[in-house]
Structure formats: C-alpha cells, structure tokens
Amino acid sequence: KLWDASRPAVEKKLASQGLVTLYAVPWPPQGIY
C-alpha cells in the first residue's frame, strides 16, 4: 500500500533525473543482529 501511495512521487523525482521507474520489490522485515 505504501509503495502504491508513494510511487507517483518517486517516479516524478526519478523522471527529473532522467530515469524511468520499472518496479520495486521489498526485502523481508528488518530485525537487529
């Protein structure tokens, strides 16, 4: 849900830097070692 909400803003920023967004994939949840 967060990616869906943030993707337009991320795409806009990357486009201003000459980049086209393809996709995003998460890592498993973060813990402490």
PDB file of all heavy atoms in Angstrom:
ATOM      1  N   LYS A   1       0.837  -1.206   0.000  1.00  0.00           N
ATOM      2  CA  LYS A   1       0.000   0.000   0.000  1.00  0.00           C
ATOM      3  C   LYS A   1       0.875   1.260   0.000  1.00  0.00           C
ATOM      4  O   LYS A   1       0.582   2.231  -0.694  1.00  0.00           O
ATOM      5  CB  LYS A   1      -0.903   0.010   1.243  1.00  0.00           C
ATOM      6  CG  LYS A   1      -2.038  -0.995   1.221  1.00  0.00           C
ATOM      7  CD  LYS A   1      -2.850  -0.879   2.509  1.00  0.00           C
ATOM      8  CE  LYS A   1      -3.973  -1.896   2.568  1.00  0.00           C
ATOM      9  NZ  LYS A   1      -4.717  -1.807   3.851  1.00  0.00           N
ATOM     10  N   LEU A   2       1.943   1.223   0.794  1.00  0.00           N
ATOM     11  CA  LEU A   2       2.833   2.380   0.871  1.00  0.00           C
ATOM     12  C   LEU A   2       3.520   2.623  -0.468  1.00  0.00           C
ATOM     13  O   LEU A   2       3.678   3.779  -0.893  1.00  0.00           O
ATOM     14  CB  LEU A   2       3.865   2.180   1.981  1.00  0.00           C
ATOM     15  CG  LEU A   2       4.817   3.353   2.234  1.00  0.00           C
ATOM     16  CD1 LEU A   2       4.049   4.618   2.603  1.00  0.00           C
ATOM     17  CD2 LEU A   2       5.823   3.001   3.337  1.00  0.00           C
ATOM     18  N   TRP A   3       3.916   1.549  -1.146  1.00  0.00           N
ATOM     19  CA  TRP A   3       4.528   1.706  -2.467  1.00  0.00           C
ATOM     20  C   TRP A   3       3.525   2.292  -3.457  1.00  0.00           C
ATOM     21  O   TRP A   3       3.853   3.200  -4.233  1.00  0.00           O
ATOM     22  CB  TRP A   3       5.066   0.373  -2.971  1.00  0.00           C
ATOM     23  CG  TRP A   3       5.546   0.391  -4.403  1.00  0.00           C
ATOM     24  CD1 TRP A   3       5.152  -0.430  -5.413  1.00  0.00           C
ATOM     25  CD2 TRP A   3       6.533   1.258  -4.983  1.00  0.00           C
ATOM     26  NE1 TRP A   3       5.811  -0.129  -6.588  1.00  0.00           N
ATOM     27  CE2 TRP A   3       6.667   0.915  -6.342  1.00  0.00           C
ATOM     28  CE3 TRP A   3       7.310   2.309  -4.480  1.00  0.00           C
ATOM     29  CZ2 TRP A   3       7.539   1.564  -7.208  1.00  0.00           C
ATOM     30  CZ3 TRP A   3       8.174   2.975  -5.347  1.00  0.00           C
ATOM     31  CH2 TRP A   3       8.293   2.606  -6.688  1.00  0.00           C
ATOM     32  N   ASP A   4       2.309   1.807  -3.424  1.00  0.00           N
ATOM     33  CA  ASP A   4       1.278   2.345  -4.321  1.00  0.00           C
ATOM     34  C   ASP A   4       1.042   3.834  -4.055  1.00  0.00           C
ATOM     35  O   ASP A   4       0.831   4.615  -4.986  1.00  0.00           O
ATOM     36  CB  ASP A   4      -0.036   1.578  -4.158  1.00  0.00           C
ATOM     37  CG  ASP A   4       0.033   0.152  -4.708  1.00  0.00           C
ATOM     38  OD1 ASP A   4       0.945  -0.127  -5.513  1.00  0.00           O
ATOM     39  OD2 ASP A   4      -0.813  -0.674  -4.317  1.00  0.00           O
ATOM     40  N   ALA A   5       1.082   4.208  -2.777  1.00  0.00           N
ATOM     41  CA  ALA A   5       0.857   5.615  -2.418  1.00  0.00           C
ATOM     42  C   ALA A   5       2.032   6.508  -2.781  1.00  0.00           C
ATOM     43  O   ALA A   5       1.855   7.674  -3.147  1.00  0.00           O
ATOM     44  CB  ALA A   5       0.569   5.724  -0.915  1.00  0.00           C
ATOM     45  N   SER A   6       3.245   5.958  -2.687  1.00  0.00           N
ATOM     46  CA  SER A   6       4.454   6.773  -2.908  1.00  0.00           C
ATOM     47  C   SER A   6       4.998   6.704  -4.327  1.00  0.00           C
ATOM     48  O   SER A   6       5.783   7.564  -4.734  1.00  0.00           O
ATOM     49  CB  SER A   6       5.548   6.357  -1.919  1.00  0.00           C
ATOM     50  OG  SER A   6       5.904   4.991  -2.096  1.00  0.00           O
ATOM     51  N   ARG A   7       4.582   5.708  -5.097  1.00  0.00           N
ATOM     52  CA  ARG A   7       5.164   5.523  -6.433  1.00  0.00           C
ATOM     53  C   ARG A   7       5.057   6.761  -7.333  1.00  0.00           C
ATOM     54  O   ARG A   7       6.056   7.116  -7.987  1.00  0.00           O
ATOM     55  CB  ARG A   7       4.549   4.304  -7.130  1.00  0.00           C
ATOM     56  CG  ARG A   7       5.145   4.084  -8.518  1.00  0.00           C
ATOM     57  CD  ARG A   7       4.811   2.735  -9.122  1.00  0.00           C
ATOM     58  NE  ARG A   7       5.494   2.588 -10.412  1.00  0.00           N
ATOM     59  CZ  ARG A   7       5.726   1.445 -11.024  1.00  0.00           C
ATOM     60  NH1 ARG A   7       5.320   0.314 -10.466  1.00  0.00           N
ATOM     61  NH2 ARG A   7       6.375   1.393 -12.168  1.00  0.00           N
ATOM     62  N   PRO A   8       3.913   7.448  -7.397  1.00  0.00           N
ATOM     63  CA  PRO A   8       3.862   8.638  -8.265  1.00  0.00           C
ATOM     64  C   PRO A   8       4.930   9.679  -7.913  1.00  0.00           C
ATOM     65  O   PRO A   8       5.547  10.270  -8.807  1.00  0.00           O
ATOM     66  CB  PRO A   8       2.443   9.179  -8.030  1.00  0.00           C
ATOM     67  CG  PRO A   8       1.644   7.977  -7.646  1.00  0.00           C
ATOM     68  CD  PRO A   8       2.585   7.157  -6.809  1.00  0.00           C
ATOM     69  N   ALA A   9       5.153   9.893  -6.612  1.00  0.00           N
ATOM     70  CA  ALA A   9       6.161  10.867  -6.185  1.00  0.00           C
ATOM     71  C   ALA A   9       7.570  10.377  -6.504  1.00  0.00           C
ATOM     72  O   ALA A   9       8.441  11.164  -6.928  1.00  0.00           O
ATOM     73  CB  ALA A   9       6.026  11.138  -4.690  1.00  0.00           C
ATOM     74  N   VAL A  10       7.809   9.080  -6.315  1.00  0.00           N
ATOM     75  CA  VAL A  10       9.118   8.504  -6.637  1.00  0.00           C
ATOM     76  C   VAL A  10       9.374   8.602  -8.148  1.00  0.00           C
ATOM     77  O   VAL A  10      10.459   9.002  -8.586  1.00  0.00           O
ATOM     78  CB  VAL A  10       9.200   7.033  -6.177  1.00  0.00           C
ATOM     79  CG1 VAL A  10      10.474   6.373  -6.694  1.00  0.00           C
ATOM     80  CG2 VAL A  10       9.149   6.955  -4.651  1.00  0.00           C
ATOM     81  N   GLU A  11       8.362   8.246  -8.947  1.00  0.00           N
ATOM     82  CA  GLU A  11       8.508   8.317 -10.404  1.00  0.00           C
ATOM     83  C   GLU A  11       8.800   9.744 -10.872  1.00  0.00           C
ATOM     84  O   GLU A  11       9.619   9.958 -11.759  1.00  0.00           O
ATOM     85  CB  GLU A  11       7.238   7.795 -11.077  1.00  0.00           C
ATOM     86  CG  GLU A  11       7.072   6.290 -10.998  1.00  0.00           C
ATOM     87  CD  GLU A  11       5.858   5.812 -11.789  1.00  0.00           C
ATOM     88  OE1 GLU A  11       4.885   6.595 -11.932  1.00  0.00           O
ATOM     89  OE2 GLU A  11       5.883   4.661 -12.254  1.00  0.00           O
ATOM     90  N   LYS A  12       8.106  10.697 -10.272  1.00  0.00           N
ATOM     91  CA  LYS A  12       8.305  12.098 -10.645  1.00  0.00           C
ATOM     92  C   LYS A  12       9.738  12.548 -10.358  1.00  0.00           C
ATOM     93  O   LYS A  12      10.375  13.218 -11.183  1.00  0.00           O
ATOM     94  CB  LYS A  12       7.310  12.974  -9.878  1.00  0.00           C
ATOM     95  CG  LYS A  12       7.390  14.456 -10.227  1.00  0.00           C
ATOM     96  CD  LYS A  12       6.361  15.252  -9.440  1.00  0.00           C
ATOM     97  CE  LYS A  12       6.463  16.751  -9.755  1.00  0.00           C
ATOM     98  NZ  LYS A  12       5.483  17.537  -8.949  1.00  0.00           N
ATOM     99  N   LYS A  13      10.247  12.167  -9.186  1.00  0.00           N
ATOM    100  CA  LYS A  13      11.613  12.546  -8.825  1.00  0.00           C
ATOM    101  C   LYS A  13      12.624  11.888  -9.754  1.00  0.00           C
ATOM    102  O   LYS A  13      13.552  12.545 -10.250  1.00  0.00           O
ATOM    103  CB  LYS A  13      11.895  12.146  -7.370  1.00  0.00           C
ATOM    104  CG  LYS A  13      13.299  12.507  -6.897  1.00  0.00           C
ATOM    105  CD  LYS A  13      13.527  14.002  -6.926  1.00  0.00           C
ATOM    106  CE  LYS A  13      14.938  14.373  -6.471  1.00  0.00           C
ATOM    107  NZ  LYS A  13      15.159  15.837  -6.480  1.00  0.00           N
ATOM    108  N   LEU A  14      12.449  10.588 -10.014  1.00  0.00           N
ATOM    109  CA  LEU A  14      13.381   9.887 -10.899  1.00  0.00           C
ATOM    110  C   LEU A  14      13.319  10.456 -12.320  1.00  0.00           C
ATOM    111  O   LEU A  14      14.344  10.586 -12.994  1.00  0.00           O
ATOM    112  CB  LEU A  14      13.086   8.389 -10.910  1.00  0.00           C
ATOM    113  CG  LEU A  14      13.422   7.635  -9.620  1.00  0.00           C
ATOM    114  CD1 LEU A  14      13.004   6.171  -9.736  1.00  0.00           C
ATOM    115  CD2 LEU A  14      14.906   7.726  -9.292  1.00  0.00           C
ATOM    116  N   ALA A  15      12.110  10.801 -12.778  1.00  0.00           N
ATOM    117  CA  ALA A  15      11.964  11.369 -14.127  1.00  0.00           C
ATOM    118  C   ALA A  15      12.746  12.670 -14.251  1.00  0.00           C
ATOM    119  O   ALA A  15      13.345  12.948 -15.299  1.00  0.00           O
ATOM    120  CB  ALA A  15      10.488  11.598 -14.437  1.00  0.00           C
ATOM    121  N   SER A  16      12.781  13.457 -13.168  1.00  0.00           N
ATOM    122  CA  SER A  16      13.529  14.722 -13.202  1.00  0.00           C
ATOM    123  C   SER A  16      15.041  14.485 -13.290  1.00  0.00           C
ATOM    124  O   SER A  16      15.800  15.398 -13.607  1.00  0.00           O
ATOM    125  CB  SER A  16      13.208  15.556 -11.952  1.00  0.00           C
ATOM    126  OG  SER A  16      13.845  15.021 -10.797  1.00  0.00           O
ATOM    127  N   GLN A  17      15.446  13.251 -12.998  1.00  0.00           N
ATOM    128  CA  GLN A  17      16.868  12.890 -13.057  1.00  0.00           C
ATOM    129  C   GLN A  17      17.197  12.044 -14.293  1.00  0.00           C
ATOM    130  O   GLN A  17      18.259  11.453 -14.378  1.00  0.00           O
ATOM    131  CB  GLN A  17      17.242  12.121 -11.774  1.00  0.00           C
ATOM    132  CG  GLN A  17      17.029  12.950 -10.509  1.00  0.00           C
ATOM    133  CD  GLN A  17      17.259  12.161  -9.234  1.00  0.00           C
ATOM    134  OE1 GLN A  17      17.030  10.958  -9.173  1.00  0.00           O
ATOM    135  NE2 GLN A  17      17.723  12.833  -8.186  1.00  0.00           N
ATOM    136  N   GLY A  18      16.242  11.986 -15.216  1.00  0.00           N
ATOM    137  CA  GLY A  18      16.477  11.247 -16.455  1.00  0.00           C
ATOM    138  C   GLY A  18      16.330   9.747 -16.317  1.00  0.00           C
ATOM    139  O   GLY A  18      16.944   8.990 -17.070  1.00  0.00           O
ATOM    140  N   LEU A  19      15.491   9.309 -15.376  1.00  0.00           N
ATOM    141  CA  LEU A  19      15.317   7.882 -15.125  1.00  0.00           C
ATOM    142  C   LEU A  19      13.848   7.480 -15.230  1.00  0.00           C
ATOM    143  O   LEU A  19      12.959   8.240 -14.847  1.00  0.00           O
ATOM    144  CB  LEU A  19      15.839   7.525 -13.728  1.00  0.00           C
ATOM    145  CG  LEU A  19      17.336   7.780 -13.481  1.00  0.00           C
ATOM    146  CD1 LEU A  19      17.655   7.702 -11.995  1.00  0.00           C
ATOM    147  CD2 LEU A  19      18.180   6.791 -14.273  1.00  0.00           C
ATOM    148  N   VAL A  20      13.613   6.286 -15.748  1.00  0.00           N
ATOM    149  CA  VAL A  20      12.267   5.731 -15.869  1.00  0.00           C
ATOM    150  C   VAL A  20      12.122   4.609 -14.852  1.00  0.00           C
ATOM    151  O   VAL A  20      12.925   3.666 -14.823  1.00  0.00           O
ATOM    152  CB  VAL A  20      12.018   5.176 -17.289  1.00  0.00           C
ATOM    153  CG1 VAL A  20      10.640   4.508 -17.375  1.00  0.00           C
ATOM    154  CG2 VAL A  20      12.137   6.290 -18.326  1.00  0.00           C
ATOM    155  N   THR A  21      11.110   4.698 -13.989  1.00  0.00           N
ATOM    156  CA  THR A  21      10.868   3.680 -12.968  1.00  0.00           C
ATOM    157  C   THR A  21      10.302   2.417 -13.605  1.00  0.00           C
ATOM    158  O   THR A  21       9.358   2.488 -14.389  1.00  0.00           O
ATOM    159  CB  THR A  21       9.869   4.200 -11.919  1.00  0.00           C
ATOM    160  OG1 THR A  21      10.363   5.426 -11.374  1.00  0.00           O
ATOM    161  CG2 THR A  21       9.671   3.187 -10.804  1.00  0.00           C
ATOM    162  N   LEU A  22      10.874   1.265 -13.250  1.00  0.00           N
ATOM    163  CA  LEU A  22      10.356  -0.011 -13.754  1.00  0.00           C
ATOM    164  C   LEU A  22       9.544  -0.739 -12.682  1.00  0.00           C
ATOM    165  O   LEU A  22       8.376  -1.015 -12.855  1.00  0.00           O
ATOM    166  CB  LEU A  22      11.498  -0.896 -14.250  1.00  0.00           C
ATOM    167  CG  LEU A  22      12.240  -0.396 -15.503  1.00  0.00           C
ATOM    168  CD1 LEU A  22      13.281  -1.422 -15.949  1.00  0.00           C
ATOM    169  CD2 LEU A  22      11.275  -0.089 -16.641  1.00  0.00           C
ATOM    170  N   TYR A  23      10.170  -1.050 -11.558  1.00  0.00           N
ATOM    171  CA  TYR A  23       9.427  -1.741 -10.495  1.00  0.00           C
ATOM    172  C   TYR A  23      10.196  -1.684  -9.182  1.00  0.00           C
ATOM    173  O   TYR A  23      11.352  -1.237  -9.135  1.00  0.00           O
ATOM    174  CB  TYR A  23       9.121  -3.189 -10.881  1.00  0.00           C
ATOM    175  CG  TYR A  23      10.314  -4.132 -10.969  1.00  0.00           C
ATOM    176  CD1 TYR A  23      10.688  -4.910  -9.871  1.00  0.00           C
ATOM    177  CD2 TYR A  23      11.036  -4.287 -12.153  1.00  0.00           C
ATOM    178  CE1 TYR A  23      11.749  -5.800  -9.951  1.00  0.00           C
ATOM    179  CE2 TYR A  23      12.098  -5.177 -12.240  1.00  0.00           C
ATOM    180  CZ  TYR A  23      12.450  -5.933 -11.129  1.00  0.00           C
ATOM    181  OH  TYR A  23      13.506  -6.818 -11.211  1.00  0.00           O
ATOM    182  N   ALA A  24       9.539  -2.115  -8.113  1.00  0.00           N
ATOM    183  CA  ALA A  24      10.158  -2.169  -6.791  1.00  0.00           C
ATOM    184  C   ALA A  24       9.748  -3.455  -6.088  1.00  0.00           C
ATOM    185  O   ALA A  24       8.637  -3.941  -6.272  1.00  0.00           O
ATOM    186  CB  ALA A  24       9.742  -0.965  -5.953  1.00  0.00           C
ATOM    187  N   VAL A  25      10.676  -3.998  -5.305  1.00  0.00           N
ATOM    188  CA  VAL A  25      10.424  -5.240  -4.548  1.00  0.00           C
ATOM    189  C   VAL A  25      11.001  -5.072  -3.144  1.00  0.00           C
ATOM    190  O   VAL A  25      12.126  -4.590  -2.983  1.00  0.00           O
ATOM    191  CB  VAL A  25      11.083  -6.458  -5.243  1.00  0.00           C
ATOM    192  CG1 VAL A  25      11.044  -7.687  -4.352  1.00  0.00           C
ATOM    193  CG2 VAL A  25      10.391  -6.751  -6.575  1.00  0.00           C
ATOM    194  N   PRO A  26      10.252  -5.452  -2.110  1.00  0.00           N
ATOM    195  CA  PRO A  26      10.738  -5.280  -0.739  1.00  0.00           C
ATOM    196  C   PRO A  26      11.669  -6.401  -0.286  1.00  0.00           C
ATOM    197  O   PRO A  26      11.615  -7.514  -0.798  1.00  0.00           O
ATOM    198  CB  PRO A  26       9.451  -5.307   0.083  1.00  0.00           C
ATOM    199  CG  PRO A  26       8.587  -6.283  -0.671  1.00  0.00           C
ATOM    200  CD  PRO A  26       8.896  -6.034  -2.133  1.00  0.00           C
ATOM    201  N   TRP A  27      12.479  -6.063   0.686  1.00  0.00           N
ATOM    202  CA  TRP A  27      13.217  -7.056   1.443  1.00  0.00           C
ATOM    203  C   TRP A  27      12.295  -7.606   2.530  1.00  0.00           C
ATOM    204  O   TRP A  27      11.292  -6.978   2.868  1.00  0.00           O
ATOM    205  CB  TRP A  27      14.433  -6.405   2.104  1.00  0.00           C
ATOM    206  CG  TRP A  27      15.515  -6.011   1.168  1.00  0.00           C
ATOM    207  CD1 TRP A  27      15.595  -4.844   0.458  1.00  0.00           C
ATOM    208  CD2 TRP A  27      16.677  -6.767   0.819  1.00  0.00           C
ATOM    209  NE1 TRP A  27      16.731  -4.830  -0.305  1.00  0.00           N
ATOM    210  CE2 TRP A  27      17.416  -5.995  -0.102  1.00  0.00           C
ATOM    211  CE3 TRP A  27      17.166  -8.020   1.200  1.00  0.00           C
ATOM    212  CZ2 TRP A  27      18.622  -6.436  -0.646  1.00  0.00           C
ATOM    213  CZ3 TRP A  27      18.367  -8.461   0.663  1.00  0.00           C
ATOM    214  CH2 TRP A  27      19.078  -7.684  -0.250  1.00  0.00           C
ATOM    215  N   PRO A  28      12.629  -8.744   3.107  1.00  0.00           N
ATOM    216  CA  PRO A  28      11.891  -9.213   4.285  1.00  0.00           C
ATOM    217  C   PRO A  28      12.005  -8.185   5.411  1.00  0.00           C
ATOM    218  O   PRO A  28      12.895  -7.332   5.393  1.00  0.00           O
ATOM    219  CB  PRO A  28      12.604 -10.520   4.645  1.00  0.00           C
ATOM    220  CG  PRO A  28      13.178 -11.007   3.342  1.00  0.00           C
ATOM    221  CD  PRO A  28      13.621  -9.750   2.643  1.00  0.00           C
ATOM    222  N   PRO A  29      11.117  -8.252   6.405  1.00  0.00           N
ATOM    223  CA  PRO A  29      11.128  -7.281   7.505  1.00  0.00           C
ATOM    224  C   PRO A  29      12.489  -7.213   8.215  1.00  0.00           C
ATOM    225  O   PRO A  29      13.214  -8.202   8.307  1.00  0.00           O
ATOM    226  CB  PRO A  29      10.046  -7.815   8.449  1.00  0.00           C
ATOM    227  CG  PRO A  29       9.123  -8.584   7.564  1.00  0.00           C
ATOM    228  CD  PRO A  29      10.001  -9.218   6.526  1.00  0.00           C
ATOM    229  N   GLN A  30      12.792  -6.024   8.718  1.00  0.00           N
ATOM    230  CA  GLN A  30      14.087  -5.747   9.339  1.00  0.00           C
ATOM    231  C   GLN A  30      14.133  -6.113  10.821  1.00  0.00           C
ATOM    232  O   GLN A  30      13.181  -5.847  11.569  1.00  0.00           O
ATOM    233  CB  GLN A  30      14.415  -4.259   9.196  1.00  0.00           C
ATOM    234  CG  GLN A  30      14.374  -3.764   7.764  1.00  0.00           C
ATOM    235  CD  GLN A  30      15.512  -4.293   6.924  1.00  0.00           C
ATOM    236  OE1 GLN A  30      16.649  -3.830   7.029  1.00  0.00           O
ATOM    237  NE2 GLN A  30      15.240  -5.260   6.066  1.00  0.00           N
ATOM    238  N   GLY A  31      15.242  -6.711  11.217  1.00  0.00           N
ATOM    239  CA  GLY A  31      15.472  -7.037  12.620  1.00  0.00           C
ATOM    240  C   GLY A  31      16.877  -6.617  13.018  1.00  0.00           C
ATOM    241  O   GLY A  31      17.628  -6.063  12.211  1.00  0.00           O
ATOM    242  N   ILE A  32      17.242  -6.896  14.252  1.00  0.00           N
ATOM    243  CA  ILE A  32      18.544  -6.467  14.788  1.00  0.00           C
ATOM    244  C   ILE A  32      19.466  -7.665  14.993  1.00  0.00           C
ATOM    245  O   ILE A  32      19.079  -8.661  15.619  1.00  0.00           O
ATOM    246  CB  ILE A  32      18.369  -5.745  16.135  1.00  0.00           C
ATOM    247  CG1 ILE A  32      17.421  -4.550  15.982  1.00  0.00           C
ATOM    248  CG2 ILE A  32      19.715  -5.272  16.678  1.00  0.00           C
ATOM    249  CD1 ILE A  32      16.983  -3.973  17.311  1.00  0.00           C
ATOM    250  N   TYR A  33      20.661  -7.566  14.471  1.00  0.00           N
ATOM    251  CA  TYR A  33      21.705  -8.571  14.676  1.00  0.00           C
ATOM    252  C   TYR A  33      22.688  -8.058  15.724  1.00  0.00           C
ATOM    253  O   TYR A  33      23.069  -6.874  15.705  1.00  0.00           O
ATOM    254  CB  TYR A  33      22.480  -8.824  13.381  1.00  0.00           C
ATOM    255  CG  TYR A  33      21.683  -9.512  12.294  1.00  0.00           C
ATOM    256  CD1 TYR A  33      20.975  -8.772  11.350  1.00  0.00           C
ATOM    257  CD2 TYR A  33      21.647 -10.900  12.201  1.00  0.00           C
ATOM    258  CE1 TYR A  33      20.257  -9.403  10.346  1.00  0.00           C
ATOM    259  CE2 TYR A  33      20.935 -11.541  11.197  1.00  0.00           C
ATOM    260  CZ  TYR A  33      20.239 -10.788  10.270  1.00  0.00           C
ATOM    261  OH  TYR A  33      19.526 -11.415   9.280  1.00  0.00           O
TER     262      TYR A  33
END
